[in-house]
C-alpha atoms as a PDB file:
ATOM      1  CA  UNK A   1      -0.068  -0.045   0.020  1.00  0.00           C
ATOM      2  CA  UNK A   2       2.800   2.254   0.458  1.00  0.00           C
ATOM      3  CA  UNK A   3       3.066   2.794  -3.548  1.00  0.00           C
ATOM      4  CA  UNK A   4      -0.242   4.541  -3.356  1.00  0.00           C
ATOM      5  CA  UNK A   5       0.826   7.234  -0.941  1.00  0.00           C
ATOM      6  CA  UNK A   6       1.356   9.867  -3.445  1.00  0.00           C
ATOM      7  CA  UNK A   7      -1.211   9.053  -6.113  1.00  0.00           C
ATOM      8  CA  UNK A   8      -4.210  11.298  -6.798  1.00  0.00           C
ATOM      9  CA  UNK A   9      -7.763   9.606  -7.162  1.00  0.00           C
ATOM     10  CA  UNK A  10      -7.669   8.031 -10.783  1.00  0.00           C
ATOM     11  CA  UNK A  11     -11.389   6.539 -10.549  1.00  0.00           C
ATOM     12  CA  UNK A  12     -14.742   7.118 -10.299  1.00  0.00           C
ATOM     13  CA  UNK A  13     -16.370   4.268  -8.724  1.00  0.00           C
ATOM     14  CA  UNK A  14     -15.018   1.503  -6.663  1.00  0.00           C
ATOM     15  CA  UNK A  15     -17.291  -1.818  -6.459  1.00  0.00           C
ATOM     16  CA  UNK A  16     -17.097  -5.150  -4.994  1.00  0.00           C
ATOM     17  CA  UNK A  17     -18.408  -8.625  -7.293  1.00  0.00           C
ATOM     18  CA  UNK A  18     -18.057 -11.995  -7.337  1.00  0.00           C
ATOM     19  CA  UNK A  19     -15.485 -13.803  -9.042  1.00  0.00           C
ATOM     20  CA  UNK A  20     -14.354 -17.135 -10.000  1.00  0.00           C
ATOM     21  CA  UNK A  21     -12.508 -18.065  -6.728  1.00  0.00           C
ATOM     22  CA  UNK A  22     -13.973 -15.353  -4.362  1.00  0.00           C
ATOM     23  CA  UNK A  23     -14.956 -11.890  -4.650  1.00  0.00           C
ATOM     24  CA  UNK A  24     -12.941  -8.628  -5.817  1.00  0.00           C
ATOM     25  CA  UNK A  25     -12.831  -4.963  -5.751  1.00  0.00           C
ATOM     26  CA  UNK A  26     -13.078  -3.110  -9.017  1.00  0.00           C
ATOM     27  CA  UNK A  27     -12.070   0.517  -9.708  1.00  0.00           C
ATOM     28  CA  UNK A  28     -14.157   1.581 -12.889  1.00  0.00           C
ATOM     29  CA  UNK A  29     -14.279  -1.953 -13.940  1.00  0.00           C
ATOM     30  CA  UNK A  30     -10.689  -2.869 -13.419  1.00  0.00           C
ATOM     31  CA  UNK A  31      -9.530  -5.257 -10.808  1.00  0.00           C
ATOM     32  CA  UNK A  32      -7.558  -3.997  -7.606  1.00  0.00           C
ATOM     33  CA  UNK A  33      -4.470  -6.194  -7.120  1.00  0.00           C
ATOM     34  CA  UNK A  34      -1.698  -6.099  -4.386  1.00  0.00           C
ATOM     35  CA  UNK A  35       1.171  -3.687  -4.298  1.00  0.00           C
ATOM     36  CA  UNK A  36       2.978  -6.925  -5.046  1.00  0.00           C
ATOM     37  CA  UNK A  37       0.757  -7.310  -8.143  1.00  0.00           C
ATOM     38  CA  UNK A  38      -0.880 -10.562  -7.011  1.00  0.00           C
ATOM     39  CA  UNK A  39      -4.668 -11.236  -7.395  1.00  0.00           C
ATOM     40  CA  UNK A  40      -6.330  -9.491  -4.679  1.00  0.00           C
ATOM     41  CA  UNK A  41      -9.466 -12.304  -3.704  1.00  0.00           C
ATOM     42  CA  UNK A  42     -11.292 -11.857  -0.628  1.00  0.00           C
ATOM     43  CA  UNK A  43     -13.133 -14.717   0.997  1.00  0.00           C
ATOM     44  CA  UNK A  44     -16.345 -13.186   1.541  1.00  0.00           C
ATOM     45  CA  UNK A  45     -18.403 -10.531   0.008  1.00  0.00           C
ATOM     46  CA  UNK A  46     -18.876  -8.587   2.981  1.00  0.00           C
ATOM     47  CA  UNK A  47     -14.916  -8.248   3.263  1.00  0.00           C
ATOM     48  CA  UNK A  48     -14.624  -6.839  -0.625  1.00  0.00           C
ATOM     49  CA  UNK A  49     -17.589  -4.307   0.050  1.00  0.00           C
ATOM     50  CA  UNK A  50     -15.625  -2.814   3.047  1.00  0.00           C
ATOM     51  CA  UNK A  51     -12.493  -2.860   0.985  1.00  0.00           C
ATOM     52  CA  UNK A  52     -14.528  -1.113  -2.084  1.00  0.00           C
ATOM     53  CA  UNK A  53     -16.010   1.126   0.385  1.00  0.00           C
ATOM     54  CA  UNK A  54     -12.461   2.283   1.389  1.00  0.00           C
ATOM     55  CA  UNK A  55     -11.355   3.247  -2.184  1.00  0.00           C
ATOM     56  CA  UNK A  56     -14.654   5.013  -2.796  1.00  0.00           C
ATOM     57  CA  UNK A  57     -14.019   7.004   0.546  1.00  0.00           C
ATOM     58  CA  UNK A  58     -10.892   8.497  -0.950  1.00  0.00           C
ATOM     59  CA  UNK A  59     -10.820  11.891  -2.029  1.00  0.00           C
ATOM     60  CA  UNK A  60      -8.094  13.932  -4.249  1.00  0.00           C
ATOM     61  CA  UNK A  61      -5.426  11.808  -3.057  1.00  0.00           C
ATOM     62  CA  UNK A  62      -5.310   8.106  -1.778  1.00  0.00           C
ATOM     63  CA  UNK A  63      -4.431   7.609   1.877  1.00  0.00           C
ATOM     64  CA  UNK A  64      -3.169   4.247   2.605  1.00  0.00           C
ATOM     65  CA  UNK A  65      -3.482   4.918   6.163  1.00  0.00           C
ATOM     66  CA  UNK A  66      -7.289   5.478   5.867  1.00  0.00           C
ATOM     67  CA  UNK A  67      -7.818   1.832   4.339  1.00  0.00           C
ATOM     68  CA  UNK A  68      -6.976  -0.698   6.981  1.00  0.00           C
ATOM     69  CA  UNK A  69      -9.333  -3.348   5.829  1.00  0.00           C
ATOM     70  CA  UNK A  70      -7.316  -3.132   2.286  1.00  0.00           C
ATOM     71  CA  UNK A  71      -3.975  -3.236   4.196  1.00  0.00           C
ATOM     72  CA  UNK A  72      -4.650  -6.239   6.144  1.00  0.00           C
ATOM     73  CA  UNK A  73      -5.714  -8.227   2.944  1.00  0.00           C
ATOM     74  CA  UNK A  74      -2.736  -6.967   1.177  1.00  0.00           C
ATOM     75  CA  UNK A  75      -0.523  -8.095   4.182  1.00  0.00           C
ATOM     76  CA  UNK A  76      -2.095 -11.439   4.125  1.00  0.00           C
ATOM     77  CA  UNK A  77      -1.327 -11.972   0.522  1.00  0.00           C
ATOM     78  CA  UNK A  78       1.736 -10.051  -0.031  1.00  0.00           C
ATOM     79  CA  UNK A  79       3.811 -11.140   3.141  1.00  0.00           C
ATOM     80  CA  UNK A  80       1.869 -14.210   4.777  1.00  0.00           C
ATOM     81  CA  UNK A  81       0.870 -15.916   1.626  1.00  0.00           C
ATOM     82  CA  UNK A  82       4.320 -15.638   0.183  1.00  0.00           C
ATOM     83  CA  UNK A  83       6.356 -15.787   3.636  1.00  0.00           C
ATOM     84  CA  UNK A  84       4.208 -18.025   5.542  1.00  0.00           C
ATOM     85  CA  UNK A  85       6.990 -19.791   7.477  1.00  0.00           C
ATOM     86  CA  UNK A  86       8.456 -16.434   8.541  1.00  0.00           C
ATOM     87  CA  UNK A  87       5.193 -15.183   9.541  1.00  0.00           C
ATOM     88  CA  UNK A  88       4.314 -18.210  11.711  1.00  0.00           C
ATOM     89  CA  UNK A  89       7.815 -17.772  13.168  1.00  0.00           C
ATOM     90  CA  UNK A  90       7.758 -14.266  14.167  1.00  0.00           C
ATOM     91  CA  UNK A  91       4.078 -14.793  15.772  1.00  0.00           C
ATOM     92  CA  UNK A  92       5.248 -17.918  17.527  1.00  0.00           C
ATOM     93  CA  UNK A  93       8.164 -16.678  19.096  1.00  0.00           C
ATOM     94  CA  UNK A  94       6.076 -14.837  21.413  1.00  0.00           C
ATOM     95  CA  UNK A  95       5.187 -18.200  23.037  1.00  0.00           C
ATOM     96  CA  UNK A  96       8.228 -18.128  24.778  1.00  0.00           C
ATOM     97  CA  UNK A  97       8.114 -14.351  26.123  1.00  0.00           C
ATOM     98  CA  UNK A  98       4.553 -13.745  26.357  1.00  0.00           C
ATOM     99  CA  UNK A  99       3.582 -10.281  28.149  1.00  0.00           C
ATOM    100  CA  UNK A 100       1.240 -12.061  30.513  1.00  0.00           C
ATOM    101  CA  UNK A 101       4.238 -13.953  31.939  1.00  0.00           C
ATOM    102  CA  UNK A 102       6.103 -11.204  33.249  1.00  0.00           C
ATOM    103  CA  UNK A 103       4.223 -10.204  36.690  1.00  0.00           C
ATOM    104  CA  UNK A 104       4.885  -7.263  38.741  1.00  0.00           C
ATOM    105  CA  UNK A 105       5.454  -7.984  42.489  1.00  0.00           C
ATOM    106  CA  UNK A 106       6.051  -4.763  43.893  1.00  0.00           C
ATOM    107  CA  UNK A 107       2.559  -3.788  45.045  1.00  0.00           C
ATOM    108  CA  UNK A 108      -0.124  -5.942  46.334  1.00  0.00           C
ATOM    109  CA  UNK A 109      -2.733  -4.172  44.541  1.00  0.00           C
ATOM    110  CA  UNK A 110      -1.044  -4.897  41.375  1.00  0.00           C
ATOM    111  CA  UNK A 111      -0.507  -8.615  42.181  1.00  0.00           C
ATOM    112  CA  UNK A 112      -4.105  -8.664  42.851  1.00  0.00           C
ATOM    113  CA  UNK A 113      -5.152  -7.114  39.603  1.00  0.00           C
ATOM    114  CA  UNK A 114      -2.751  -9.476  37.871  1.00  0.00           C
ATOM    115  CA  UNK A 115      -4.422 -12.522  39.648  1.00  0.00           C
ATOM    116  CA  UNK A 116      -7.762 -11.203  38.739  1.00  0.00           C
ATOM    117  CA  UNK A 117      -7.113 -10.427  34.774  1.00  0.00           C
ATOM    118  CA  UNK A 118      -4.026 -12.452  33.615  1.00  0.00           C
ATOM    119  CA  UNK A 119      -4.193 -15.796  35.653  1.00  0.00           C
ATOM    120  CA  UNK A 120      -7.843 -16.715  33.926  1.00  0.00           C
ATOM    121  CA  UNK A 121      -6.095 -16.114  30.488  1.00  0.00           C
ATOM    122  CA  UNK A 122      -3.121 -18.370  31.434  1.00  0.00           C
ATOM    123  CA  UNK A 123      -5.505 -20.989  32.878  1.00  0.00           C
ATOM    124  CA  UNK A 124      -7.291 -20.904  29.703  1.00  0.00           C
ATOM    125  CA  UNK A 125      -4.030 -21.223  27.766  1.00  0.00           C
ATOM    126  CA  UNK A 126      -3.020 -24.497  29.344  1.00  0.00           C
ATOM    127  CA  UNK A 127      -6.382 -25.833  29.225  1.00  0.00           C
ATOM    128  CA  UNK A 128      -7.085 -25.234  25.885  1.00  0.00           C
ATOM    129  CA  UNK A 129      -3.782 -25.820  23.895  1.00  0.00           C
ATOM    130  CA  UNK A 130      -2.209 -27.929  26.938  1.00  0.00           C
ATOM    131  CA  UNK A 131       0.375 -25.289  27.221  1.00  0.00           C
ATOM    132  CA  UNK A 132       0.766 -24.432  30.829  1.00  0.00           C
ATOM    133  CA  UNK A 133       3.326 -21.319  30.907  1.00  0.00           C
ATOM    134  CA  UNK A 134       5.592 -20.370  33.721  1.00  0.00           C
ATOM    135  CA  UNK A 135       5.424 -16.673  35.177  1.00  0.00           C
ATOM    136  CA  UNK A 136       7.950 -14.588  36.724  1.00  0.00           C
ATOM    137  CA  UNK A 137       8.597 -11.733  38.241  1.00  0.00           C
ATOM    138  CA  UNK A 138       9.989  -8.346  36.907  1.00  0.00           C
ATOM    139  CA  UNK A 139      12.046  -8.656  34.215  1.00  0.00           C
ATOM    140  CA  UNK A 140      13.566 -11.860  35.068  1.00  0.00           C
ATOM    141  CA  UNK A 141      13.865 -14.119  31.876  1.00  0.00           C
ATOM    142  CA  UNK A 142      12.141 -17.430  32.221  1.00  0.00           C
ATOM    143  CA  UNK A 143      12.360 -20.362  30.021  1.00  0.00           C
ATOM    144  CA  UNK A 144       9.025 -21.901  28.955  1.00  0.00           C
ATOM    145  CA  UNK A 145       8.544 -25.548  28.713  1.00  0.00           C
ATOM    146  CA  UNK A 146       9.346 -26.944  24.912  1.00  0.00           C
ATOM    147  CA  UNK A 147       5.969 -28.551  25.111  1.00  0.00           C
ATOM    148  CA  UNK A 148       3.892 -25.711  25.862  1.00  0.00           C
ATOM    149  CA  UNK A 149       5.763 -23.364  23.252  1.00  0.00           C
ATOM    150  CA  UNK A 150       5.366 -26.089  20.858  1.00  0.00           C
ATOM    151  CA  UNK A 151       1.665 -26.046  21.277  1.00  0.00           C
ATOM    152  CA  UNK A 152       1.064 -22.616  20.763  1.00  0.00           C
ATOM    153  CA  UNK A 153       3.506 -22.227  17.607  1.00  0.00           C
ATOM    154  CA  UNK A 154       1.140 -25.142  16.726  1.00  0.00           C
ATOM    155  CA  UNK A 155      -1.867 -23.184  17.182  1.00  0.00           C
ATOM    156  CA  UNK A 156      -0.481 -20.435  15.393  1.00  0.00           C
ATOM    157  CA  UNK A 157       0.149 -22.528  12.385  1.00  0.00           C
ATOM    158  CA  UNK A 158      -3.655 -23.639  12.353  1.00  0.00           C
ATOM    159  CA  UNK A 159      -4.957 -20.265  11.072  1.00  0.00           C
ATOM    160  CA  UNK A 160      -5.422 -19.266   7.416  1.00  0.00           C
ATOM    161  CA  UNK A 161      -3.513 -16.710   5.896  1.00  0.00           C
ATOM    162  CA  UNK A 162      -6.007 -13.794   6.294  1.00  0.00           C
ATOM    163  CA  UNK A 163      -6.453 -14.643   9.889  1.00  0.00           C
ATOM    164  CA  UNK A 164      -2.868 -15.296  10.649  1.00  0.00           C
ATOM    165  CA  UNK A 165      -2.644 -11.757   9.306  1.00  0.00           C
ATOM    166  CA  UNK A 166      -5.011 -10.113  11.845  1.00  0.00           C
ATOM    167  CA  UNK A 167      -3.391 -12.424  14.523  1.00  0.00           C
ATOM    168  CA  UNK A 168       0.147 -10.634  13.804  1.00  0.00           C
ATOM    169  CA  UNK A 169      -1.400  -7.393  13.984  1.00  0.00           C
ATOM    170  CA  UNK A 170      -2.933  -8.266  17.267  1.00  0.00           C
ATOM    171  CA  UNK A 171       0.081 -10.072  19.042  1.00  0.00           C
ATOM    172  CA  UNK A 172       2.678  -7.622  17.649  1.00  0.00           C
ATOM    173  CA  UNK A 173       0.784  -4.299  18.850  1.00  0.00           C
ATOM    174  CA  UNK A 174      -0.201  -5.797  22.277  1.00  0.00           C
ATOM    175  CA  UNK A 175       3.063  -8.079  23.078  1.00  0.00           C
ATOM    176  CA  UNK A 176       0.791 -11.022  24.074  1.00  0.00           C
ATOM    177  CA  UNK A 177       0.129 -14.353  21.955  1.00  0.00           C
ATOM    178  CA  UNK A 178      -2.381 -15.507  24.798  1.00  0.00           C
ATOM    179  CA  UNK A 179      -4.301 -12.377  24.261  1.00  0.00           C
ATOM    180  CA  UNK A 180      -3.963 -12.628  20.412  1.00  0.00           C
ATOM    181  CA  UNK A 181      -5.379 -16.292  20.635  1.00  0.00           C
ATOM    182  CA  UNK A 182      -7.978 -15.475  23.101  1.00  0.00           C
ATOM    183  CA  UNK A 183      -9.773 -12.904  20.561  1.00  0.00           C
ATOM    184  CA  UNK A 184      -9.553 -15.188  17.821  1.00  0.00           C
ATOM    185  CA  UNK A 185     -11.045 -18.077  19.433  1.00  0.00           C
ATOM    186  CA  UNK A 186     -13.561 -15.664  20.922  1.00  0.00           C
ATOM    187  CA  UNK A 187     -12.740 -16.066  24.163  1.00  0.00           C
ATOM    188  CA  UNK A 188     -12.601 -12.643  25.213  1.00  0.00           C
ATOM    189  CA  UNK A 189     -13.521  -9.429  23.591  1.00  0.00           C
ATOM    190  CA  UNK A 190     -11.628  -6.435  22.673  1.00  0.00           C
ATOM    191  CA  UNK A 191     -12.348  -4.629  25.913  1.00  0.00           C
ATOM    192  CA  UNK A 192     -10.909  -7.584  27.876  1.00  0.00           C
ATOM    193  CA  UNK A 193      -8.005  -7.819  25.534  1.00  0.00           C
ATOM    194  CA  UNK A 194      -7.004  -3.941  26.076  1.00  0.00           C
ATOM    195  CA  UNK A 195      -7.173  -4.469  29.690  1.00  0.00           C
ATOM    196  CA  UNK A 196      -5.022  -7.434  29.771  1.00  0.00           C
ATOM    197  CA  UNK A 197      -2.160  -5.611  27.284  1.00  0.00           C
ATOM    198  CA  UNK A 198      -2.578  -2.580  29.117  1.00  0.00           C
ATOM    199  CA  UNK A 199      -2.713  -3.597  32.601  1.00  0.00           C
ATOM    200  CA  UNK A 200       0.570  -2.469  33.918  1.00  0.00           C
ATOM    201  CA  UNK A 201       0.172   0.858  32.191  1.00  0.00           C
ATOM    202  CA  UNK A 202      -3.339   1.628  33.403  1.00  0.00           C
ATOM    203  CA  UNK A 203      -2.068   0.767  36.859  1.00  0.00           C
ATOM    204  CA  UNK A 204       0.287   3.551  36.881  1.00  0.00           C
ATOM    205  CA  UNK A 205      -1.854   5.815  35.229  1.00  0.00           C
ATOM    206  CA  UNK A 206      -4.383   5.400  38.115  1.00  0.00           C
ATOM    207  CA  UNK A 207      -1.803   6.151  40.605  1.00  0.00           C
ATOM    208  CA  UNK A 208       0.448   8.853  39.036  1.00  0.00           C
ATOM    209  CA  UNK A 209      -1.550  10.161  36.113  1.00  0.00           C
ATOM    210  CA  UNK A 210      -1.274   9.996  32.332  1.00  0.00           C
ATOM    211  CA  UNK A 211       0.924  11.442  29.676  1.00  0.00           C
ATOM    212  CA  UNK A 212       0.585  12.129  26.306  1.00  0.00           C
ATOM    213  CA  UNK A 213       2.835   9.242  24.888  1.00  0.00           C
ATOM    214  CA  UNK A 214       0.887   6.698  27.359  1.00  0.00           C
ATOM    215  CA  UNK A 215      -2.501   8.063  25.954  1.00  0.00           C
ATOM    216  CA  UNK A 216      -1.583   7.732  22.158  1.00  0.00           C
ATOM    217  CA  UNK A 217      -0.096   4.239  22.967  1.00  0.00           C
ATOM    218  CA  UNK A 218      -3.813   3.334  24.397  1.00  0.00           C
ATOM    219  CA  UNK A 219      -5.318   4.888  21.339  1.00  0.00           C
ATOM    220  CA  UNK A 220      -3.156   3.008  18.932  1.00  0.00           C
ATOM    221  CA  UNK A 221      -3.557  -0.332  20.660  1.00  0.00           C
ATOM    222  CA  UNK A 222      -7.134   0.070  20.698  1.00  0.00           C
ATOM    223  CA  UNK A 223      -7.436   0.866  17.087  1.00  0.00           C
ATOM    224  CA  UNK A 224      -5.189  -1.746  15.773  1.00  0.00           C
ATOM    225  CA  UNK A 225      -7.117  -4.349  17.990  1.00  0.00           C
ATOM    226  CA  UNK A 226     -10.465  -2.860  16.778  1.00  0.00           C
ATOM    227  CA  UNK A 227      -9.223  -3.068  13.060  1.00  0.00           C
ATOM    228  CA  UNK A 228      -8.034  -6.716  13.183  1.00  0.00           C
ATOM    229  CA  UNK A 229     -11.277  -7.728  14.537  1.00  0.00           C
ATOM    230  CA  UNK A 230     -13.617  -5.923  12.172  1.00  0.00           C
ATOM    231  CA  UNK A 231     -11.391  -7.534   9.610  1.00  0.00           C
ATOM    232  CA  UNK A 232     -11.718 -11.004  11.151  1.00  0.00           C
ATOM    233  CA  UNK A 233     -15.661 -10.522  11.518  1.00  0.00           C
ATOM    234  CA  UNK A 234     -15.988  -9.681   7.740  1.00  0.00           C
ATOM    235  CA  UNK A 235     -13.915 -12.834   6.825  1.00  0.00           C
ATOM    236  CA  UNK A 236     -16.384 -15.153   8.665  1.00  0.00           C
ATOM    237  CA  UNK A 237     -19.662 -13.226   7.739  1.00  0.00           C
END
């Protein structure tokens, strides 16, 4: 999508329609392709219509940042589709150092929050994927059981390209594979996911107040999570 940043709008209408192997978006009747010039096929009409709406909403210049559904679809095809093993490995690495495994034991109130919010997700992960993970205090490194890491990596590999692109966004933004898997498996909603990945920051903000950088980080994470979940909902509709 970066190649379209400086482009002026060159079409009058964007539409979505059925094709031989899925659905496509057309600009004045011409099929849209990915930045790598690969066929941009969508699994559902609703996703194709959402991308067509993004193209239709462009004004004089095309702003890629305002086209999150298009961006994720292209990521799924140009990156995940072509570099599937690399994508799986990049996401799977978080199994060895998931955010939820690094607890802060400096304050009893924070410990209670971790037990309330994080421990149920760790328990769910152990039960659902047979992947019990070890927690540690502070920034001390912890080596996770090889069987648990392998089980979580296997779970990552089970998702199709489009879903894997969404999972990558969630995991890399929030720092937690556990939260990403819980979202994709519909075990938690976006609000619970945000609560988990921002647990420490929000605790500090409540005690010491917010700063502009922290607030912007919260907005960015919320935006990325909601975008990924909207993308997934359009895939499954």
